[in-house]
PDB file of N, CA and C in Angstrom:
ATOM      1  N   MET A   1     163.846  85.081 -53.818  1.00  0.00           N
ATOM      2  CA  MET A   1     162.681  85.363 -54.629  1.00  0.00           C
ATOM      3  C   MET A   1     162.896  84.715 -55.991  1.00  0.00           C
ATOM      4  N   ASP A   2     161.922  83.982 -56.488  1.00  0.00           N
ATOM      5  CA  ASP A   2     162.044  83.319 -57.786  1.00  0.00           C
ATOM      6  C   ASP A   2     161.046  83.937 -58.762  1.00  0.00           C
ATOM      7  N   LEU A   3     161.530  84.897 -59.556  1.00  0.00           N
ATOM      8  CA  LEU A   3     160.660  85.593 -60.509  1.00  0.00           C
ATOM      9  C   LEU A   3     160.770  85.033 -61.916  1.00  0.00           C
ATOM     10  N   ASN A   4     161.673  84.046 -62.125  1.00  0.00           N
ATOM     11  CA  ASN A   4     161.862  83.422 -63.435  1.00  0.00           C
ATOM     12  C   ASN A   4     162.138  84.464 -64.524  1.00  0.00           C
ATOM     13  N   LEU A   5     163.165  85.270 -64.324  1.00  0.00           N
ATOM     14  CA  LEU A   5     163.517  86.336 -65.266  1.00  0.00           C
ATOM     15  C   LEU A   5     164.712  85.977 -66.140  1.00  0.00           C
ATOM     16  N   GLN A   6     165.148  84.724 -66.120  1.00  0.00           N
ATOM     17  CA  GLN A   6     166.302  84.291 -66.901  1.00  0.00           C
ATOM     18  C   GLN A   6     166.177  84.728 -68.358  1.00  0.00           C
ATOM     19  N   GLY A   7     167.159  85.508 -68.831  1.00  0.00           N
ATOM     20  CA  GLY A   7     167.221  85.893 -70.229  1.00  0.00           C
ATOM     21  C   GLY A   7     166.334  87.058 -70.642  1.00  0.00           C
ATOM     22  N   LEU A   8     165.497  87.557 -69.754  1.00  0.00           N
ATOM     23  CA  LEU A   8     164.656  88.701 -70.110  1.00  0.00           C
ATOM     24  C   LEU A   8     165.468  89.985 -70.025  1.00  0.00           C
ATOM     25  N   ARG A   9     165.054  90.988 -70.793  1.00  0.00           N
ATOM     26  CA  ARG A   9     165.712  92.289 -70.762  1.00  0.00           C
ATOM     27  C   ARG A   9     164.841  93.250 -69.963  1.00  0.00           C
ATOM     28  N   VAL A  10     165.506  94.004 -69.084  1.00  0.00           N
ATOM     29  CA  VAL A  10     164.802  94.914 -68.183  1.00  0.00           C
ATOM     30  C   VAL A  10     165.441  96.288 -68.293  1.00  0.00           C
ATOM     31  N   LEU A  11     164.616  97.330 -68.369  1.00  0.00           N
ATOM     32  CA  LEU A  11     165.098  98.706 -68.353  1.00  0.00           C
ATOM     33  C   LEU A  11     164.686  99.335 -67.030  1.00  0.00           C
ATOM     34  N   VAL A  12     165.673  99.827 -66.291  1.00  0.00           N
ATOM     35  CA  VAL A  12     165.403 100.501 -65.022  1.00  0.00           C
ATOM     36  C   VAL A  12     165.780 101.961 -65.198  1.00  0.00           C
ATOM     37  N   THR A  13     164.811 102.855 -65.026  1.00  0.00           N
ATOM     38  CA  THR A  13     165.089 104.288 -65.106  1.00  0.00           C
ATOM     39  C   THR A  13     165.367 104.806 -63.696  1.00  0.00           C
ATOM     40  N   ALA A  14     166.121 105.889 -63.609  1.00  0.00           N
ATOM     41  CA  ALA A  14     166.532 106.470 -62.323  1.00  0.00           C
ATOM     42  C   ALA A  14     167.244 105.423 -61.483  1.00  0.00           C
ATOM     43  N   GLY A  15     168.162 104.693 -62.128  1.00  0.00           N
ATOM     44  CA  GLY A  15     168.808 103.580 -61.461  1.00  0.00           C
ATOM     45  C   GLY A  15     170.182 103.863 -60.882  1.00  0.00           C
ATOM     46  N   ALA A  16     170.563 105.121 -60.742  1.00  0.00           N
ATOM     47  CA  ALA A  16     171.899 105.430 -60.238  1.00  0.00           C
ATOM     48  C   ALA A  16     172.017 105.247 -58.732  1.00  0.00           C
ATOM     49  N   SER A  17     170.908 105.360 -58.027  1.00  0.00           N
ATOM     50  CA  SER A  17     170.966 105.219 -56.572  1.00  0.00           C
ATOM     51  C   SER A  17     169.581 104.896 -56.025  1.00  0.00           C
ATOM     52  N   GLY A  18     169.537 104.620 -54.755  1.00  0.00           N
ATOM     53  CA  GLY A  18     168.271 104.411 -54.060  1.00  0.00           C
ATOM     54  C   GLY A  18     167.487 103.210 -54.540  1.00  0.00           C
ATOM     55  N   ILE A  19     166.184 103.402 -54.656  1.00  0.00           N
ATOM     56  CA  ILE A  19     165.283 102.314 -55.030  1.00  0.00           C
ATOM     57  C   ILE A  19     165.590 101.804 -56.433  1.00  0.00           C
ATOM     58  N   GLY A  20     165.930 102.688 -57.354  1.00  0.00           N
ATOM     59  CA  GLY A  20     166.251 102.262 -58.713  1.00  0.00           C
ATOM     60  C   GLY A  20     167.450 101.336 -58.758  1.00  0.00           C
ATOM     61  N   LEU A  21     168.494 101.659 -58.006  1.00  0.00           N
ATOM     62  CA  LEU A  21     169.693 100.823 -57.950  1.00  0.00           C
ATOM     63  C   LEU A  21     169.379  99.475 -57.312  1.00  0.00           C
ATOM     64  N   ALA A  22     168.625  99.487 -56.238  1.00  0.00           N
ATOM     65  CA  ALA A  22     168.248  98.235 -55.575  1.00  0.00           C
ATOM     66  C   ALA A  22     167.403  97.364 -56.495  1.00  0.00           C
ATOM     67  N   THR A  23     166.525  97.986 -57.263  1.00  0.00           N
ATOM     68  CA  THR A  23     165.687  97.248 -58.206  1.00  0.00           C
ATOM     69  C   THR A  23     166.535  96.620 -59.303  1.00  0.00           C
ATOM     70  N   ALA A  24     167.470  97.386 -59.849  1.00  0.00           N
ATOM     71  CA  ALA A  24     168.354  96.863 -60.889  1.00  0.00           C
ATOM     72  C   ALA A  24     169.158  95.675 -60.377  1.00  0.00           C
ATOM     73  N   ARG A  25     169.662  95.777 -59.175  1.00  0.00           N
ATOM     74  CA  ARG A  25     170.432  94.671 -58.587  1.00  0.00           C
ATOM     75  C   ARG A  25     169.556  93.441 -58.371  1.00  0.00           C
ATOM     76  N   ALA A  26     168.332  93.649 -57.931  1.00  0.00           N
ATOM     77  CA  ALA A  26     167.420  92.521 -57.708  1.00  0.00           C
ATOM     78  C   ALA A  26     167.107  91.811 -59.021  1.00  0.00           C
ATOM     79  N   PHE A  27     166.848  92.569 -60.085  1.00  0.00           N
ATOM     80  CA  PHE A  27     166.594  91.960 -61.394  1.00  0.00           C
ATOM     81  C   PHE A  27     167.817  91.176 -61.867  1.00  0.00           C
ATOM     82  N   ALA A  28     169.001  91.735 -61.665  1.00  0.00           N
ATOM     83  CA  ALA A  28     170.230  91.052 -62.083  1.00  0.00           C
ATOM     84  C   ALA A  28     170.418  89.741 -61.320  1.00  0.00           C
ATOM     85  N   ARG A  29     170.134  89.751 -60.031  1.00  0.00           N
ATOM     86  CA  ARG A  29     170.239  88.519 -59.238  1.00  0.00           C
ATOM     87  C   ARG A  29     169.302  87.437 -59.741  1.00  0.00           C
ATOM     88  N   GLU A  30     168.173  87.851 -60.324  1.00  0.00           N
ATOM     89  CA  GLU A  30     167.193  86.896 -60.844  1.00  0.00           C
ATOM     90  C   GLU A  30     167.522  86.434 -62.260  1.00  0.00           C
ATOM     91  N   GLY A  31     168.630  86.945 -62.838  1.00  0.00           N
ATOM     92  CA  GLY A  31     169.079  86.464 -64.134  1.00  0.00           C
ATOM     93  C   GLY A  31     168.679  87.313 -65.325  1.00  0.00           C
ATOM     94  N   ALA A  32     168.066  88.464 -65.094  1.00  0.00           N
ATOM     95  CA  ALA A  32     167.670  89.340 -66.194  1.00  0.00           C
ATOM     96  C   ALA A  32     168.882  90.112 -66.724  1.00  0.00           C
ATOM     97  N   HIS A  33     168.810  90.514 -67.992  1.00  0.00           N
ATOM     98  CA  HIS A  33     169.799  91.414 -68.584  1.00  0.00           C
ATOM     99  C   HIS A  33     169.305  92.821 -68.264  1.00  0.00           C
ATOM    100  N   VAL A  34     170.017  93.534 -67.422  1.00  0.00           N
ATOM    101  CA  VAL A  34     169.541  94.817 -66.900  1.00  0.00           C
ATOM    102  C   VAL A  34     170.231  95.969 -67.616  1.00  0.00           C
ATOM    103  N   HIS A  35     169.434  96.923 -68.070  1.00  0.00           N
ATOM    104  CA  HIS A  35     169.917  98.168 -68.662  1.00  0.00           C
ATOM    105  C   HIS A  35     169.447  99.283 -67.741  1.00  0.00           C
ATOM    106  N   VAL A  36     170.380 100.141 -67.337  1.00  0.00           N
ATOM    107  CA  VAL A  36     170.071 101.194 -66.372  1.00  0.00           C
ATOM    108  C   VAL A  36     170.322 102.553 -67.008  1.00  0.00           C
ATOM    109  N   CYS A  37     169.383 103.472 -66.833  1.00  0.00           N
ATOM    110  CA  CYS A  37     169.601 104.858 -67.244  1.00  0.00           C
ATOM    111  C   CYS A  37     169.204 105.756 -66.085  1.00  0.00           C
ATOM    112  N   ASP A  38     169.766 106.950 -66.090  1.00  0.00           N
ATOM    113  CA  ASP A  38     169.483 107.864 -64.994  1.00  0.00           C
ATOM    114  C   ASP A  38     169.113 109.222 -65.525  1.00  0.00           C
TER     115      ASP A  38
END
C-alpha cells in the first residue's frame, strides 16, 4: 500500500493491541512517525 506518509506524524489511540496495534504498524511501514497511547 502506498499512502505517501513519509515524515508525517501519526497518533494512534488504543494502540496496545488488536486493530490499534495493527494500524500503528501499518503507518510505521509507510514511513510515518508513529506515537501510540493506550
